[in-house]
Amino acid sequence: MKIAVFASGRGTNLAAIIKAKSKGLINADIALVVSDNKKALALKKAQRAGIKAVFVDPQRFLTMPEFENEIVKAVEAEGIDLIVLAGFMRILSSDFVSRFQNKIINIHPAILPSFKGSQAIKDAYEFGIKVTGVTVHFVDNEMDNGPIILQKAVPIDEADTLETLESKIHKVEHKIYPEAIKLFIEGRLKIEGRKVKIV
């Protein structure tokens, strides 16, 4: 089975996935890393790991469909079975999602459906809740909305700052994202409506 990782930034989740594969936890080929950011550290991490790294420049395209078609070409050329979004800062169109239905997963730094969007850790921290967490879910046509695969709670302590909370969240992300990928690869995820059964 072949995996593509889409990332726009530092690539910390990508690094966790590469590490999980090296330990034998993920029995699949990380065949492709795609980024919309030329300066993304994720691209360098992919290259260091011997993974094909592709920068697709959104400025080259007049429309979103043209941009996505370029990504589709790269994904289909590698025969990708699973797309893993790891800090990819673009919302994929419904056409793209439909093309790879139930083959795209995302990680979100909150317990969905609470605190959707790109500032989830900050939003949760400033709201004053006592427990936040991490969600891995399938991607559908709405932002941070698809069927949930795994969730793990992260307590917010009184001594936490935004920075310490981010660190705690990232540690959990790096643990449960490889777990979710492993379940997908092993064919153990069964979607029934909004629910994902682990079989």
N, C-alpha and C. Protein backbone atom coordinates (compact mmCIF):
# COMPACT_ATOMS: atom_id res chain seq x y z
N MET A 1 0.84 -1.19 0.00
CA MET A 1 0.00 0.00 0.00
C MET A 1 0.88 1.25 0.00
N LYS A 2 0.45 2.27 -0.74
CA LYS A 2 1.24 3.50 -0.87
C LYS A 2 0.52 4.69 -0.24
N ILE A 3 1.30 5.49 0.48
CA ILE A 3 0.78 6.66 1.18
C ILE A 3 1.37 7.93 0.57
N ALA A 4 0.52 8.98 0.46
CA ALA A 4 1.00 10.33 0.16
C ALA A 4 0.69 11.20 1.36
N VAL A 5 1.65 12.02 1.75
CA VAL A 5 1.46 12.97 2.85
C VAL A 5 1.45 14.37 2.26
N PHE A 6 0.40 15.13 2.58
CA PHE A 6 0.30 16.53 2.15
C PHE A 6 0.64 17.41 3.36
N ALA A 7 1.60 18.31 3.20
CA ALA A 7 2.03 19.16 4.32
C ALA A 7 2.43 20.54 3.81
N SER A 8 2.16 21.55 4.63
CA SER A 8 2.51 22.93 4.26
C SER A 8 3.60 23.53 5.14
N GLY A 9 3.95 22.85 6.23
CA GLY A 9 4.83 23.49 7.20
C GLY A 9 6.01 22.65 7.64
N ARG A 10 6.16 22.54 8.97
CA ARG A 10 7.36 21.94 9.56
C ARG A 10 7.48 20.43 9.32
N GLY A 11 6.36 19.77 9.12
CA GLY A 11 6.41 18.34 8.84
C GLY A 11 6.66 17.48 10.07
N THR A 12 6.20 17.93 11.24
CA THR A 12 6.43 17.13 12.45
C THR A 12 5.62 15.85 12.44
N ASN A 13 4.39 15.91 11.93
CA ASN A 13 3.60 14.68 11.82
C ASN A 13 4.17 13.76 10.75
N LEU A 14 4.68 14.35 9.67
CA LEU A 14 5.37 13.54 8.65
C LEU A 14 6.54 12.79 9.28
N ALA A 15 7.33 13.50 10.09
CA ALA A 15 8.47 12.87 10.76
C ALA A 15 8.02 11.73 11.66
N ALA A 16 6.90 11.91 12.35
CA ALA A 16 6.37 10.85 13.22
C ALA A 16 5.93 9.64 12.41
N ILE A 17 5.37 9.89 11.23
CA ILE A 17 4.93 8.79 10.36
C ILE A 17 6.13 8.04 9.80
N ILE A 18 7.16 8.79 9.38
CA ILE A 18 8.40 8.17 8.89
C ILE A 18 9.03 7.31 9.99
N LYS A 19 9.05 7.83 11.20
CA LYS A 19 9.61 7.10 12.35
C LYS A 19 8.83 5.83 12.62
N ALA A 20 7.49 5.92 12.56
CA ALA A 20 6.65 4.74 12.80
C ALA A 20 6.90 3.67 11.74
N LYS A 21 7.11 4.09 10.50
CA LYS A 21 7.42 3.13 9.45
C LYS A 21 8.77 2.47 9.70
N SER A 22 9.76 3.26 10.12
CA SER A 22 11.10 2.71 10.36
C SER A 22 11.09 1.70 11.50
N LYS A 23 10.14 1.85 12.43
CA LYS A 23 10.02 0.92 13.56
C LYS A 23 9.16 -0.30 13.22
N GLY A 24 8.62 -0.32 11.99
CA GLY A 24 7.79 -1.44 11.56
C GLY A 24 6.33 -1.34 11.99
N LEU A 25 5.93 -0.17 12.51
CA LEU A 25 4.53 0.00 12.95
C LEU A 25 3.60 0.24 11.76
N ILE A 26 4.13 0.83 10.70
CA ILE A 26 3.34 1.08 9.49
C ILE A 26 3.94 0.26 8.35
N ASN A 27 3.17 -0.69 7.89
CA ASN A 27 3.63 -1.58 6.83
C ASN A 27 3.12 -1.07 5.47
N ALA A 28 3.69 0.05 5.05
CA ALA A 28 3.30 0.67 3.79
C ALA A 28 4.46 1.53 3.28
N ASP A 29 4.36 1.92 2.03
CA ASP A 29 5.38 2.74 1.40
C ASP A 29 4.94 4.20 1.44
N ILE A 30 5.71 5.04 2.14
CA ILE A 30 5.46 6.48 2.09
C ILE A 30 6.07 6.94 0.77
N ALA A 31 5.23 7.01 -0.25
CA ALA A 31 5.74 7.16 -1.62
C ALA A 31 5.84 8.60 -2.10
N LEU A 32 5.12 9.51 -1.41
CA LEU A 32 5.03 10.87 -1.94
C LEU A 32 4.73 11.86 -0.83
N VAL A 33 5.40 13.01 -0.89
CA VAL A 33 5.05 14.16 -0.04
C VAL A 33 4.75 15.33 -0.97
N VAL A 34 3.59 15.94 -0.77
CA VAL A 34 3.15 17.07 -1.59
C VAL A 34 3.03 18.29 -0.70
N SER A 35 3.55 19.43 -1.19
CA SER A 35 3.41 20.68 -0.44
C SER A 35 3.04 21.82 -1.39
N ASP A 36 2.30 22.79 -0.83
CA ASP A 36 1.97 24.01 -1.56
C ASP A 36 2.89 25.16 -1.13
N ASN A 37 3.91 24.82 -0.33
CA ASN A 37 4.82 25.82 0.22
C ASN A 37 6.26 25.41 -0.11
N LYS A 38 6.91 26.19 -0.95
CA LYS A 38 8.27 25.85 -1.39
C LYS A 38 9.25 25.76 -0.22
N LYS A 39 9.00 26.54 0.84
CA LYS A 39 9.91 26.58 1.98
C LYS A 39 9.53 25.60 3.10
N ALA A 40 8.53 24.76 2.86
CA ALA A 40 8.09 23.82 3.89
C ALA A 40 9.23 22.88 4.29
N LEU A 41 9.47 22.78 5.59
CA LEU A 41 10.48 21.85 6.09
C LEU A 41 10.09 20.40 5.78
N ALA A 42 8.79 20.18 5.59
CA ALA A 42 8.32 18.83 5.25
C ALA A 42 8.99 18.31 3.98
N LEU A 43 9.21 19.20 3.00
CA LEU A 43 9.86 18.78 1.75
C LEU A 43 11.28 18.31 2.01
N LYS A 44 12.00 19.04 2.86
CA LYS A 44 13.37 18.65 3.20
C LYS A 44 13.41 17.34 3.97
N LYS A 45 12.45 17.17 4.87
CA LYS A 45 12.39 15.93 5.65
C LYS A 45 12.10 14.74 4.74
N ALA A 46 11.24 14.95 3.76
CA ALA A 46 10.94 13.89 2.79
C ALA A 46 12.19 13.52 1.99
N GLN A 47 12.89 14.52 1.51
CA GLN A 47 14.09 14.28 0.72
C GLN A 47 15.16 13.54 1.51
N ARG A 48 15.32 13.93 2.78
CA ARG A 48 16.30 13.25 3.64
C ARG A 48 15.94 11.79 3.86
N ALA A 49 14.63 11.50 3.84
CA ALA A 49 14.16 10.13 4.06
C ALA A 49 14.07 9.34 2.75
N GLY A 50 14.47 9.97 1.62
CA GLY A 50 14.43 9.29 0.33
C GLY A 50 13.03 9.16 -0.25
N ILE A 51 12.14 10.06 0.17
CA ILE A 51 10.76 10.05 -0.31
C ILE A 51 10.61 11.12 -1.40
N LYS A 52 9.89 10.77 -2.46
CA LYS A 52 9.65 11.74 -3.53
C LYS A 52 8.90 12.94 -2.98
N ALA A 53 9.45 14.14 -3.18
CA ALA A 53 8.87 15.38 -2.66
C ALA A 53 8.49 16.29 -3.82
N VAL A 54 7.23 16.74 -3.82
CA VAL A 54 6.72 17.56 -4.92
C VAL A 54 6.15 18.87 -4.37
N PHE A 55 6.66 19.97 -4.90
CA PHE A 55 6.10 21.29 -4.59
C PHE A 55 5.18 21.69 -5.74
N VAL A 56 3.91 21.90 -5.40
CA VAL A 56 2.95 22.37 -6.40
C VAL A 56 2.64 23.83 -6.07
N ASP A 57 3.10 24.73 -6.91
CA ASP A 57 3.00 26.16 -6.66
C ASP A 57 1.61 26.68 -7.00
N PRO A 58 0.82 27.08 -6.00
CA PRO A 58 -0.54 27.55 -6.30
C PRO A 58 -0.56 28.82 -7.15
N GLN A 59 0.55 29.57 -7.13
CA GLN A 59 0.61 30.81 -7.91
C GLN A 59 0.66 30.55 -9.42
N ARG A 60 0.99 29.33 -9.80
CA ARG A 60 1.10 29.00 -11.22
C ARG A 60 -0.26 28.78 -11.88
N PHE A 61 -1.30 28.66 -11.07
CA PHE A 61 -2.60 28.26 -11.61
C PHE A 61 -3.64 29.35 -11.39
N LEU A 62 -4.49 29.54 -12.39
CA LEU A 62 -5.52 30.58 -12.31
C LEU A 62 -6.69 30.15 -11.44
N THR A 63 -6.93 28.83 -11.38
CA THR A 63 -8.09 28.34 -10.64
C THR A 63 -7.68 27.21 -9.70
N MET A 64 -8.53 26.99 -8.70
CA MET A 64 -8.32 25.88 -7.76
C MET A 64 -8.36 24.51 -8.47
N PRO A 65 -9.31 24.28 -9.39
CA PRO A 65 -9.32 22.99 -10.08
C PRO A 65 -8.02 22.69 -10.82
N GLU A 66 -7.41 23.71 -11.42
CA GLU A 66 -6.14 23.50 -12.13
C GLU A 66 -5.04 23.11 -11.14
N PHE A 67 -5.00 23.81 -10.01
CA PHE A 67 -4.03 23.50 -8.96
C PHE A 67 -4.21 22.07 -8.47
N GLU A 68 -5.45 21.70 -8.19
CA GLU A 68 -5.73 20.35 -7.69
C GLU A 68 -5.45 19.28 -8.74
N ASN A 69 -5.70 19.59 -10.00
CA ASN A 69 -5.42 18.61 -11.06
C ASN A 69 -3.94 18.26 -11.12
N GLU A 70 -3.09 19.25 -10.84
CA GLU A 70 -1.65 19.00 -10.81
C GLU A 70 -1.30 18.03 -9.67
N ILE A 71 -1.97 18.20 -8.54
CA ILE A 71 -1.76 17.30 -7.40
C ILE A 71 -2.29 15.90 -7.73
N VAL A 72 -3.46 15.85 -8.37
CA VAL A 72 -4.04 14.56 -8.76
C VAL A 72 -3.08 13.78 -9.65
N LYS A 73 -2.46 14.48 -10.59
CA LYS A 73 -1.49 13.82 -11.49
C LYS A 73 -0.36 13.17 -10.69
N ALA A 74 0.16 13.90 -9.73
CA ALA A 74 1.26 13.37 -8.91
C ALA A 74 0.81 12.18 -8.08
N VAL A 75 -0.38 12.27 -7.52
CA VAL A 75 -0.93 11.19 -6.68
C VAL A 75 -1.19 9.94 -7.52
N GLU A 76 -1.81 10.13 -8.67
CA GLU A 76 -2.16 8.97 -9.50
C GLU A 76 -0.93 8.35 -10.16
N ALA A 77 0.07 9.15 -10.44
CA ALA A 77 1.31 8.63 -11.03
C ALA A 77 2.02 7.66 -10.08
N GLU A 78 1.83 7.89 -8.77
CA GLU A 78 2.47 7.03 -7.76
C GLU A 78 1.56 5.89 -7.31
N GLY A 79 0.32 5.85 -7.80
CA GLY A 79 -0.60 4.77 -7.40
C GLY A 79 -0.93 4.81 -5.91
N ILE A 80 -1.22 6.01 -5.41
CA ILE A 80 -1.44 6.21 -3.98
C ILE A 80 -2.76 5.60 -3.52
N ASP A 81 -2.72 4.93 -2.36
CA ASP A 81 -3.91 4.31 -1.77
C ASP A 81 -4.51 5.14 -0.64
N LEU A 82 -3.69 5.97 0.01
CA LEU A 82 -4.15 6.76 1.15
C LEU A 82 -3.46 8.12 1.13
N ILE A 83 -4.26 9.18 1.26
CA ILE A 83 -3.73 10.54 1.38
C ILE A 83 -3.84 10.97 2.83
N VAL A 84 -2.72 11.38 3.40
CA VAL A 84 -2.65 11.79 4.80
C VAL A 84 -2.38 13.29 4.84
N LEU A 85 -3.34 14.04 5.37
CA LEU A 85 -3.16 15.49 5.50
C LEU A 85 -2.45 15.76 6.82
N ALA A 86 -1.31 16.41 6.74
CA ALA A 86 -0.50 16.66 7.94
C ALA A 86 -0.07 18.12 7.96
N GLY A 87 -1.00 18.97 8.36
CA GLY A 87 -0.71 20.40 8.34
C GLY A 87 -0.75 20.97 6.94
N PHE A 88 -1.64 20.46 6.09
CA PHE A 88 -1.82 21.00 4.74
C PHE A 88 -2.85 22.12 4.84
N MET A 89 -2.40 23.35 4.59
CA MET A 89 -3.21 24.52 4.92
C MET A 89 -4.11 24.98 3.77
N ARG A 90 -4.69 24.01 3.07
CA ARG A 90 -5.67 24.32 2.03
C ARG A 90 -6.86 23.39 2.17
N ILE A 91 -8.04 23.94 1.97
CA ILE A 91 -9.24 23.12 2.00
C ILE A 91 -9.43 22.51 0.62
N LEU A 92 -9.49 21.18 0.58
CA LEU A 92 -9.65 20.48 -0.69
C LEU A 92 -11.08 20.60 -1.18
N SER A 93 -11.23 20.70 -2.49
CA SER A 93 -12.57 20.86 -3.07
C SER A 93 -13.37 19.57 -2.95
N SER A 94 -14.68 19.69 -3.11
CA SER A 94 -15.56 18.51 -3.06
C SER A 94 -15.23 17.55 -4.20
N ASP A 95 -14.81 18.08 -5.35
CA ASP A 95 -14.42 17.22 -6.48
C ASP A 95 -13.20 16.37 -6.12
N PHE A 96 -12.21 17.00 -5.48
CA PHE A 96 -11.01 16.26 -5.08
C PHE A 96 -11.37 15.20 -4.05
N VAL A 97 -12.15 15.57 -3.05
CA VAL A 97 -12.53 14.64 -1.99
C VAL A 97 -13.32 13.47 -2.57
N SER A 98 -14.23 13.76 -3.49
CA SER A 98 -15.04 12.70 -4.11
C SER A 98 -14.17 11.74 -4.92
N ARG A 99 -13.16 12.28 -5.56
CA ARG A 99 -12.26 11.46 -6.38
C ARG A 99 -11.52 10.42 -5.53
N PHE A 100 -11.19 10.82 -4.29
CA PHE A 100 -10.47 9.92 -3.38
C PHE A 100 -11.32 9.63 -2.13
N GLN A 101 -12.59 9.36 -2.38
CA GLN A 101 -13.54 9.19 -1.27
C GLN A 101 -13.09 8.09 -0.30
N ASN A 102 -13.12 8.44 0.98
CA ASN A 102 -12.73 7.52 2.07
C ASN A 102 -11.26 7.08 1.98
N LYS A 103 -10.47 7.87 1.26
CA LYS A 103 -9.04 7.58 1.15
C LYS A 103 -8.20 8.79 1.57
N ILE A 104 -8.85 9.76 2.23
CA ILE A 104 -8.15 10.94 2.74
C ILE A 104 -8.44 11.04 4.23
N ILE A 105 -7.37 11.16 5.04
CA ILE A 105 -7.56 11.35 6.47
C ILE A 105 -6.84 12.63 6.91
N ASN A 106 -7.32 13.18 8.02
CA ASN A 106 -6.76 14.43 8.54
C ASN A 106 -6.62 14.33 10.06
N ILE A 107 -5.70 15.11 10.61
CA ILE A 107 -5.56 15.20 12.05
C ILE A 107 -5.89 16.62 12.48
N HIS A 108 -6.65 16.74 13.57
CA HIS A 108 -7.09 18.05 14.05
C HIS A 108 -6.76 18.18 15.53
N PRO A 109 -6.17 19.31 15.95
CA PRO A 109 -5.73 19.45 17.33
C PRO A 109 -6.81 19.92 18.30
N ALA A 110 -7.93 19.20 18.30
CA ALA A 110 -9.03 19.43 19.24
C ALA A 110 -9.93 18.21 19.20
N ILE A 111 -10.85 18.14 20.16
CA ILE A 111 -11.84 17.06 20.15
C ILE A 111 -13.02 17.53 19.31
N LEU A 112 -13.04 17.12 18.06
CA LEU A 112 -14.16 17.50 17.19
C LEU A 112 -15.47 16.90 17.72
N PRO A 113 -16.60 17.60 17.54
CA PRO A 113 -16.80 18.76 16.67
C PRO A 113 -16.49 20.12 17.30
N SER A 114 -15.85 20.16 18.47
CA SER A 114 -15.50 21.44 19.08
C SER A 114 -14.25 22.03 18.43
N PHE A 115 -14.20 23.35 18.38
CA PHE A 115 -13.01 24.10 17.97
C PHE A 115 -12.47 23.68 16.60
N LYS A 116 -13.34 23.80 15.62
CA LYS A 116 -12.92 23.56 14.24
C LYS A 116 -12.06 24.73 13.77
N GLY A 117 -11.35 24.53 12.65
CA GLY A 117 -10.58 25.61 12.06
C GLY A 117 -9.11 25.56 12.40
N SER A 118 -8.37 26.55 11.87
CA SER A 118 -6.90 26.51 11.91
C SER A 118 -6.30 26.98 13.23
N GLN A 119 -7.11 27.57 14.11
CA GLN A 119 -6.60 28.07 15.39
C GLN A 119 -7.14 27.26 16.57
N ALA A 120 -7.31 25.97 16.38
CA ALA A 120 -8.03 25.14 17.37
C ALA A 120 -7.37 25.14 18.74
N ILE A 121 -6.05 25.04 18.80
CA ILE A 121 -5.37 24.98 20.10
C ILE A 121 -5.55 26.30 20.84
N LYS A 122 -5.32 27.39 20.15
CA LYS A 122 -5.47 28.73 20.74
C LYS A 122 -6.92 28.98 21.16
N ASP A 123 -7.86 28.59 20.30
CA ASP A 123 -9.28 28.79 20.61
C ASP A 123 -9.69 28.03 21.87
N ALA A 124 -9.24 26.78 21.97
CA ALA A 124 -9.58 25.96 23.14
C ALA A 124 -8.94 26.54 24.40
N TYR A 125 -7.70 26.95 24.28
CA TYR A 125 -6.97 27.51 25.43
C TYR A 125 -7.65 28.79 25.94
N GLU A 126 -7.99 29.67 25.02
CA GLU A 126 -8.58 30.95 25.41
C GLU A 126 -10.01 30.81 25.90
N PHE A 127 -10.70 29.74 25.47
CA PHE A 127 -12.07 29.50 25.91
C PHE A 127 -12.11 29.09 27.38
N GLY A 128 -10.99 28.53 27.85
CA GLY A 128 -10.92 28.15 29.26
C GLY A 128 -11.41 26.76 29.57
N ILE A 129 -11.50 25.89 28.57
CA ILE A 129 -11.93 24.53 28.85
C ILE A 129 -10.84 23.77 29.59
N LYS A 130 -11.23 22.70 30.25
CA LYS A 130 -10.30 21.92 31.08
C LYS A 130 -9.68 20.75 30.33
N VAL A 131 -10.34 20.30 29.26
CA VAL A 131 -9.86 19.16 28.48
C VAL A 131 -10.02 19.47 27.00
N THR A 132 -8.95 19.31 26.26
CA THR A 132 -9.01 19.38 24.79
C THR A 132 -8.47 18.05 24.27
N GLY A 133 -7.88 18.03 23.09
CA GLY A 133 -7.37 16.75 22.61
C GLY A 133 -7.06 16.76 21.13
N VAL A 134 -7.07 15.57 20.56
CA VAL A 134 -6.69 15.37 19.16
C VAL A 134 -7.70 14.44 18.50
N THR A 135 -8.03 14.72 17.25
CA THR A 135 -8.96 13.89 16.48
C THR A 135 -8.32 13.51 15.14
N VAL A 136 -8.42 12.24 14.78
CA VAL A 136 -8.09 11.80 13.42
C VAL A 136 -9.40 11.40 12.75
N HIS A 137 -9.64 11.93 11.57
CA HIS A 137 -10.92 11.68 10.91
C HIS A 137 -10.76 11.56 9.40
N PHE A 138 -11.74 10.89 8.79
CA PHE A 138 -11.82 10.89 7.33
C PHE A 138 -12.25 12.29 6.87
N VAL A 139 -11.83 12.66 5.68
CA VAL A 139 -12.16 13.97 5.13
C VAL A 139 -13.41 13.86 4.27
N ASP A 140 -14.37 14.76 4.52
CA ASP A 140 -15.54 14.84 3.64
C ASP A 140 -15.63 16.26 3.10
N ASN A 141 -16.80 16.66 2.62
CA ASN A 141 -16.92 17.94 1.93
C ASN A 141 -17.05 19.15 2.84
N GLU A 142 -17.04 18.93 4.16
CA GLU A 142 -17.08 20.05 5.09
C GLU A 142 -15.79 20.06 5.92
N MET A 143 -15.38 21.24 6.34
CA MET A 143 -14.13 21.37 7.08
C MET A 143 -14.22 20.70 8.46
N ASP A 144 -13.22 19.87 8.77
CA ASP A 144 -13.11 19.23 10.09
C ASP A 144 -14.41 18.55 10.49
N ASN A 145 -14.95 17.75 9.57
CA ASN A 145 -16.30 17.23 9.77
C ASN A 145 -16.45 15.72 9.57
N GLY A 146 -15.53 15.07 8.87
CA GLY A 146 -15.75 13.68 8.45
C GLY A 146 -15.79 12.69 9.60
N PRO A 147 -16.16 11.44 9.30
CA PRO A 147 -16.26 10.40 10.32
C PRO A 147 -14.96 10.23 11.11
N ILE A 148 -15.12 10.10 12.43
CA ILE A 148 -13.97 10.11 13.34
C ILE A 148 -13.38 8.72 13.51
N ILE A 149 -12.07 8.63 13.35
CA ILE A 149 -11.34 7.37 13.48
C ILE A 149 -10.85 7.18 14.91
N LEU A 150 -10.09 8.15 15.41
CA LEU A 150 -9.54 8.09 16.76
C LEU A 150 -9.60 9.46 17.41
N GLN A 151 -9.78 9.46 18.72
CA GLN A 151 -9.68 10.69 19.50
C GLN A 151 -8.95 10.40 20.80
N LYS A 152 -8.18 11.38 21.26
CA LYS A 152 -7.52 11.24 22.56
C LYS A 152 -7.57 12.57 23.29
N ALA A 153 -7.95 12.52 24.55
CA ALA A 153 -8.08 13.72 25.36
C ALA A 153 -6.72 14.20 25.85
N VAL A 154 -6.61 15.52 25.99
CA VAL A 154 -5.41 16.17 26.56
C VAL A 154 -5.89 17.17 27.61
N PRO A 155 -5.56 16.95 28.88
CA PRO A 155 -6.00 17.90 29.92
C PRO A 155 -5.25 19.22 29.81
N ILE A 156 -5.96 20.30 30.11
CA ILE A 156 -5.32 21.62 30.17
C ILE A 156 -5.14 21.96 31.65
N ASP A 157 -3.90 21.99 32.09
CA ASP A 157 -3.59 22.27 33.49
C ASP A 157 -3.55 23.78 33.71
N GLU A 158 -3.76 24.17 34.95
CA GLU A 158 -3.75 25.61 35.27
C GLU A 158 -2.40 26.24 34.95
N ALA A 159 -1.34 25.46 35.06
CA ALA A 159 0.00 25.99 34.79
C ALA A 159 0.34 26.06 33.30
N ASP A 160 -0.52 25.47 32.46
CA ASP A 160 -0.22 25.45 31.02
C ASP A 160 -0.25 26.85 30.42
N THR A 161 0.72 27.09 29.54
CA THR A 161 0.67 28.24 28.65
C THR A 161 0.21 27.72 27.29
N LEU A 162 -0.03 28.63 26.36
CA LEU A 162 -0.40 28.19 25.01
C LEU A 162 0.71 27.32 24.42
N GLU A 163 1.96 27.69 24.69
CA GLU A 163 3.10 26.94 24.15
C GLU A 163 3.20 25.54 24.74
N THR A 164 3.00 25.41 26.07
CA THR A 164 3.09 24.07 26.68
C THR A 164 1.92 23.20 26.22
N LEU A 165 0.75 23.82 26.03
CA LEU A 165 -0.39 23.05 25.54
C LEU A 165 -0.14 22.57 24.11
N GLU A 166 0.42 23.43 23.28
CA GLU A 166 0.75 23.02 21.90
C GLU A 166 1.70 21.83 21.92
N SER A 167 2.69 21.87 22.79
CA SER A 167 3.65 20.77 22.89
C SER A 167 2.96 19.47 23.29
N LYS A 168 2.05 19.55 24.25
CA LYS A 168 1.31 18.35 24.70
C LYS A 168 0.45 17.79 23.56
N ILE A 169 -0.21 18.70 22.85
CA ILE A 169 -1.06 18.29 21.72
C ILE A 169 -0.22 17.59 20.65
N HIS A 170 0.92 18.17 20.30
CA HIS A 170 1.76 17.60 19.25
C HIS A 170 2.27 16.20 19.63
N LYS A 171 2.61 15.99 20.89
CA LYS A 171 3.06 14.66 21.33
C LYS A 171 1.97 13.62 21.11
N VAL A 172 0.73 13.99 21.41
CA VAL A 172 -0.39 13.07 21.20
C VAL A 172 -0.63 12.84 19.71
N GLU A 173 -0.55 13.91 18.92
CA GLU A 173 -0.71 13.77 17.46
C GLU A 173 0.28 12.75 16.92
N HIS A 174 1.54 12.87 17.35
CA HIS A 174 2.60 12.01 16.80
C HIS A 174 2.42 10.56 17.20
N LYS A 175 1.60 10.32 18.22
CA LYS A 175 1.32 8.95 18.65
C LYS A 175 0.11 8.37 17.92
N ILE A 176 -0.99 9.15 17.86
CA ILE A 176 -2.22 8.54 17.34
C ILE A 176 -2.36 8.60 15.82
N TYR A 177 -1.64 9.53 15.15
CA TYR A 177 -1.75 9.54 13.69
C TYR A 177 -1.18 8.26 13.08
N PRO A 178 0.03 7.84 13.48
CA PRO A 178 0.52 6.54 12.97
C PRO A 178 -0.41 5.38 13.31
N GLU A 179 -1.05 5.43 14.49
CA GLU A 179 -1.99 4.36 14.87
C GLU A 179 -3.17 4.31 13.90
N ALA A 180 -3.71 5.48 13.56
CA ALA A 180 -4.85 5.54 12.63
C ALA A 180 -4.44 5.06 11.24
N ILE A 181 -3.26 5.45 10.79
CA ILE A 181 -2.76 5.01 9.48
C ILE A 181 -2.60 3.49 9.47
N LYS A 182 -2.08 2.95 10.55
CA LYS A 182 -1.91 1.49 10.66
C LYS A 182 -3.25 0.77 10.54
N LEU A 183 -4.28 1.31 11.20
CA LEU A 183 -5.61 0.71 11.12
C LEU A 183 -6.15 0.73 9.69
N PHE A 184 -5.93 1.84 8.99
CA PHE A 184 -6.38 1.95 7.60
C PHE A 184 -5.66 0.92 6.74
N ILE A 185 -4.36 0.86 6.87
CA ILE A 185 -3.55 -0.05 6.05
C ILE A 185 -3.96 -1.50 6.27
N GLU A 186 -4.29 -1.81 7.50
CA GLU A 186 -4.68 -3.19 7.84
C GLU A 186 -6.13 -3.50 7.47
N GLY A 187 -6.83 -2.52 6.89
CA GLY A 187 -8.22 -2.72 6.47
C GLY A 187 -9.18 -2.88 7.63
N ARG A 188 -8.86 -2.25 8.76
CA ARG A 188 -9.65 -2.45 9.97
C ARG A 188 -10.65 -1.34 10.24
N LEU A 189 -10.78 -0.39 9.31
CA LEU A 189 -11.71 0.72 9.49
C LEU A 189 -12.93 0.54 8.59
N LYS A 190 -14.10 0.51 9.22
CA LYS A 190 -15.35 0.34 8.48
C LYS A 190 -16.25 1.53 8.76
N ILE A 191 -16.56 2.30 7.70
CA ILE A 191 -17.39 3.48 7.86
C ILE A 191 -18.86 3.09 7.75
N GLU A 192 -19.62 3.46 8.78
CA GLU A 192 -21.08 3.24 8.78
C GLU A 192 -21.75 4.57 9.13
N GLY A 193 -22.16 5.31 8.10
CA GLY A 193 -22.72 6.64 8.33
C GLY A 193 -21.66 7.56 8.88
N ARG A 194 -21.94 8.13 10.06
CA ARG A 194 -20.96 9.02 10.69
C ARG A 194 -19.97 8.25 11.57
N LYS A 195 -20.21 6.99 11.77
CA LYS A 195 -19.36 6.22 12.70
C LYS A 195 -18.33 5.40 11.96
N VAL A 196 -17.15 5.28 12.58
CA VAL A 196 -16.09 4.42 12.06
C VAL A 196 -15.89 3.29 13.05
N LYS A 197 -16.15 2.08 12.60
CA LYS A 197 -15.92 0.90 13.44
C LYS A 197 -14.52 0.35 13.19
N ILE A 198 -13.85 0.00 14.27
CA ILE A 198 -12.55 -0.66 14.18
C ILE A 198 -12.78 -2.15 14.31
N VAL A 199 -12.46 -2.89 13.24
CA VAL A 199 -12.79 -4.32 13.20
C VAL A 199 -11.55 -5.17 13.32
